């Protein structure tokens, strides 16, 4: 009986010993080099847009992440979602003020569980430019202005120096063609991207 009791006690303690302490990543930084997703606009973007309110719903997957901080943390992936609002649905523009937030829910490796499991980005604007690919085509390039980050990966300064760059999967010719059509541009797909929270 005593031997059985000892074995039972050891078995009860094994899961407790295997639990990893959750790591505080609130002041750490993260860079992810794989970000792909969609931005759906309502109303659609059009050339000469006259709407005074345009809501964009953003959904994306994040991977290829490296964490910089006091502890070694492995982030496997993340899911980004949220909505931002512009004061125009004009397609041809280099800059738009925006309001809204985007939230990333992080999935960490089981060996390095994290205390803060999401990051919320306060979005203030979007700026557009072009990217020339080596094969001769041009694509849309855009960056979202971020005024602050809360939760995980704030860099210790509320995400003041966070940055992001995304390239559209549609080339500029396709984007302009859809903006000039009767139905407008309803969805932008993003491919090559980098996101840094710091």
Protein backbone atom coordinates (compact mmCIF):
# COMPACT_ATOMS: atom_id res chain seq x y z
CA UNK A 1 0.00 0.00 0.00
CA UNK A 2 2.81 2.40 0.90
CA UNK A 3 4.56 1.73 -2.44
CA UNK A 4 1.33 2.28 -4.36
CA UNK A 5 0.74 5.52 -2.49
CA UNK A 6 4.24 6.75 -3.38
CA UNK A 7 3.72 5.93 -7.07
CA UNK A 8 0.37 7.73 -7.09
CA UNK A 9 1.97 10.78 -5.48
CA UNK A 10 4.74 10.87 -8.08
CA UNK A 11 2.23 10.56 -10.94
CA UNK A 12 0.23 13.48 -9.57
CA UNK A 13 3.35 15.64 -9.43
CA UNK A 14 4.54 14.92 -12.98
CA UNK A 15 2.09 17.27 -14.79
CA UNK A 16 2.83 20.06 -12.31
CA UNK A 17 6.56 19.75 -12.91
CA UNK A 18 5.93 19.83 -16.68
CA UNK A 19 4.06 23.11 -16.62
CA UNK A 20 6.12 25.96 -18.05
CA UNK A 21 5.82 29.36 -16.40
CA UNK A 22 4.18 31.96 -18.64
CA UNK A 23 6.62 34.54 -19.94
CA UNK A 24 5.95 38.28 -19.73
CA UNK A 25 6.43 39.65 -23.27
CA UNK A 26 4.79 43.02 -22.72
CA UNK A 27 8.08 44.91 -23.18
CA UNK A 28 9.60 42.62 -25.84
CA UNK A 29 9.72 43.27 -29.58
CA UNK A 30 8.71 41.02 -32.46
CA UNK A 31 9.34 40.97 -36.21
CA UNK A 32 7.32 38.75 -38.54
CA UNK A 33 8.40 38.30 -42.17
CA UNK A 34 5.37 36.28 -43.31
CA UNK A 35 2.09 38.21 -43.37
CA UNK A 36 -0.64 37.43 -45.88
CA UNK A 37 -4.30 38.32 -45.83
CA UNK A 38 -7.18 40.36 -47.23
CA UNK A 39 -8.58 43.86 -46.85
CA UNK A 40 -12.27 44.13 -47.79
CA UNK A 41 -13.65 47.62 -48.43
CA UNK A 42 -17.23 48.84 -47.92
CA UNK A 43 -18.09 50.77 -49.99
CA UNK A 44 -15.59 49.60 -52.63
CA UNK A 45 -12.76 51.90 -53.66
CA UNK A 46 -13.40 53.78 -56.90
CA UNK A 47 -11.63 56.40 -58.96
CA UNK A 48 -13.15 59.74 -57.92
CA UNK A 49 -14.80 58.23 -54.84
CA UNK A 50 -17.32 60.50 -53.10
CA UNK A 51 -18.19 58.49 -49.98
CA UNK A 52 -17.43 60.21 -46.68
CA UNK A 53 -16.98 56.94 -44.79
CA UNK A 54 -15.31 53.72 -45.92
CA UNK A 55 -14.80 50.74 -43.61
CA UNK A 56 -12.06 48.20 -44.31
CA UNK A 57 -12.19 44.77 -42.66
CA UNK A 58 -8.75 43.23 -42.31
CA UNK A 59 -7.94 39.54 -41.82
CA UNK A 60 -4.43 38.12 -42.00
CA UNK A 61 -2.14 35.31 -40.89
CA UNK A 62 1.29 36.03 -39.40
CA UNK A 63 4.32 33.72 -39.20
CA UNK A 64 8.08 33.69 -39.52
CA UNK A 65 8.43 35.66 -36.29
CA UNK A 66 11.52 36.50 -34.23
CA UNK A 67 11.21 37.84 -30.67
CA UNK A 68 13.76 40.19 -29.11
CA UNK A 69 13.68 40.56 -25.34
CA UNK A 70 14.89 39.31 -21.97
CA UNK A 71 13.64 35.76 -22.52
CA UNK A 72 13.79 33.28 -25.37
CA UNK A 73 10.28 32.96 -26.79
CA UNK A 74 9.10 31.00 -29.81
CA UNK A 75 6.02 32.39 -31.60
CA UNK A 76 4.61 29.91 -34.11
CA UNK A 77 1.96 32.10 -35.72
CA UNK A 78 -0.63 34.80 -35.24
CA UNK A 79 -4.09 35.76 -36.46
CA UNK A 80 -4.70 39.43 -37.25
CA UNK A 81 -8.16 40.95 -37.51
CA UNK A 82 -9.96 44.25 -37.10
CA UNK A 83 -11.58 47.20 -38.84
CA UNK A 84 -10.34 50.64 -39.83
CA UNK A 85 -12.38 53.57 -41.13
CA UNK A 86 -11.40 56.18 -43.72
CA UNK A 87 -13.18 59.41 -44.65
CA UNK A 88 -13.10 58.59 -48.36
CA UNK A 89 -13.35 55.65 -50.76
CA UNK A 90 -11.05 57.30 -53.28
CA UNK A 91 -8.84 54.69 -54.93
CA UNK A 92 -6.05 56.90 -56.31
CA UNK A 93 -4.39 58.34 -53.20
CA UNK A 94 -0.99 58.41 -51.54
CA UNK A 95 -2.29 58.92 -48.00
CA UNK A 96 -5.49 58.37 -46.01
CA UNK A 97 -6.15 59.21 -42.33
CA UNK A 98 -7.68 56.19 -40.57
CA UNK A 99 -9.28 55.33 -37.26
CA UNK A 100 -9.59 51.87 -35.77
CA UNK A 101 -7.66 49.00 -34.23
CA UNK A 102 -6.16 45.71 -35.36
CA UNK A 103 -5.56 42.84 -32.96
CA UNK A 104 -3.09 39.99 -33.35
CA UNK A 105 -3.74 36.81 -31.34
CA UNK A 106 -0.45 34.99 -30.89
CA UNK A 107 0.21 31.25 -30.79
CA UNK A 108 3.38 30.46 -28.85
CA UNK A 109 5.26 27.18 -28.69
CA UNK A 110 4.08 25.09 -25.72
CA UNK A 111 7.58 25.17 -24.28
CA UNK A 112 7.49 28.99 -24.07
CA UNK A 113 3.92 30.01 -23.17
CA UNK A 114 3.34 33.76 -23.05
CA UNK A 115 1.49 35.80 -20.45
CA UNK A 116 0.13 38.40 -22.90
CA UNK A 117 -1.47 36.45 -25.78
CA UNK A 118 -2.48 39.33 -28.03
CA UNK A 119 -1.34 42.73 -29.31
CA UNK A 120 -3.69 45.59 -30.20
CA UNK A 121 -2.49 48.21 -32.69
CA UNK A 122 -4.06 51.67 -32.79
CA UNK A 123 -4.13 52.62 -36.50
CA UNK A 124 -3.93 56.28 -37.56
CA UNK A 125 -3.30 56.33 -41.32
CA UNK A 126 -2.26 54.43 -44.42
CA UNK A 127 0.31 55.54 -46.99
CA UNK A 128 0.63 54.12 -50.50
CA UNK A 129 3.47 53.76 -52.99
CA UNK A 130 4.53 51.31 -55.69
CA UNK A 131 6.86 48.31 -55.74
CA UNK A 132 8.66 47.28 -58.92
CA UNK A 133 9.15 43.53 -59.13
CA UNK A 134 12.24 41.99 -60.81
CA UNK A 135 10.00 40.60 -63.59
CA UNK A 136 8.91 44.11 -64.63
CA UNK A 137 5.44 44.37 -63.07
CA UNK A 138 4.48 47.02 -60.50
CA UNK A 139 2.44 46.31 -57.38
CA UNK A 140 0.82 48.35 -54.65
CA UNK A 141 2.87 48.92 -51.51
CA UNK A 142 1.33 50.32 -48.34
CA UNK A 143 2.13 50.94 -44.68
CA UNK A 144 -0.24 51.46 -41.77
CA UNK A 145 0.60 54.21 -39.29
CA UNK A 146 0.54 52.88 -35.73
CA UNK A 147 0.35 55.30 -32.80
CA UNK A 148 0.51 52.70 -30.03
CA UNK A 149 0.55 49.01 -29.19
CA UNK A 150 -0.96 47.44 -26.07
CA UNK A 151 -0.68 43.92 -24.71
CA UNK A 152 2.19 41.81 -26.01
CA UNK A 153 5.31 43.19 -27.72
CA UNK A 154 5.09 46.91 -26.98
CA UNK A 155 8.87 47.30 -27.02
CA UNK A 156 8.70 49.01 -23.63
CA UNK A 157 7.52 52.31 -25.19
CA UNK A 158 3.91 51.43 -26.14
CA UNK A 159 5.00 50.42 -29.63
CA UNK A 160 6.16 53.92 -30.58
CA UNK A 161 8.59 52.71 -33.27
CA UNK A 162 6.48 49.88 -34.69
CA UNK A 163 6.38 49.54 -38.49
CA UNK A 164 4.91 47.49 -41.30
CA UNK A 165 5.13 47.18 -45.07
CA UNK A 166 2.82 45.10 -47.28
CA UNK A 167 2.68 44.41 -51.00
CA UNK A 168 -0.55 43.71 -52.84
CA UNK A 169 -0.97 40.46 -54.73
CA UNK A 170 -2.81 42.39 -57.46
CA UNK A 171 -0.58 44.40 -59.77
CA UNK A 172 -1.23 48.11 -60.30
CA UNK A 173 -2.93 47.51 -63.63
CA UNK A 174 -5.48 45.20 -62.05
CA UNK A 175 -6.05 47.55 -59.09
CA UNK A 176 -6.69 50.54 -61.35
CA UNK A 177 -8.92 48.50 -63.64
CA UNK A 178 -11.10 47.39 -60.72
CA UNK A 179 -11.22 50.94 -59.30
CA UNK A 180 -12.42 52.20 -62.66
CA UNK A 181 -15.09 49.52 -63.06
CA UNK A 182 -18.77 49.99 -62.11
CA UNK A 183 -18.35 47.69 -59.08
CA UNK A 184 -15.08 49.20 -57.80
CA UNK A 185 -12.28 47.53 -55.89
CA UNK A 186 -13.84 45.38 -53.17
CA UNK A 187 -10.85 43.38 -51.92
CA UNK A 188 -7.08 43.77 -51.77
CA UNK A 189 -4.95 40.69 -51.18
CA UNK A 190 -1.55 41.02 -49.54
CA UNK A 191 1.43 38.77 -50.09
CA UNK A 192 4.98 39.83 -49.22
CA UNK A 193 4.96 41.72 -45.94
CA UNK A 194 6.90 42.54 -42.80
CA UNK A 195 5.48 43.54 -39.43
CA UNK A 196 7.52 44.83 -36.49
CA UNK A 197 6.10 45.69 -33.05
CA UNK A 198 8.61 47.53 -30.86
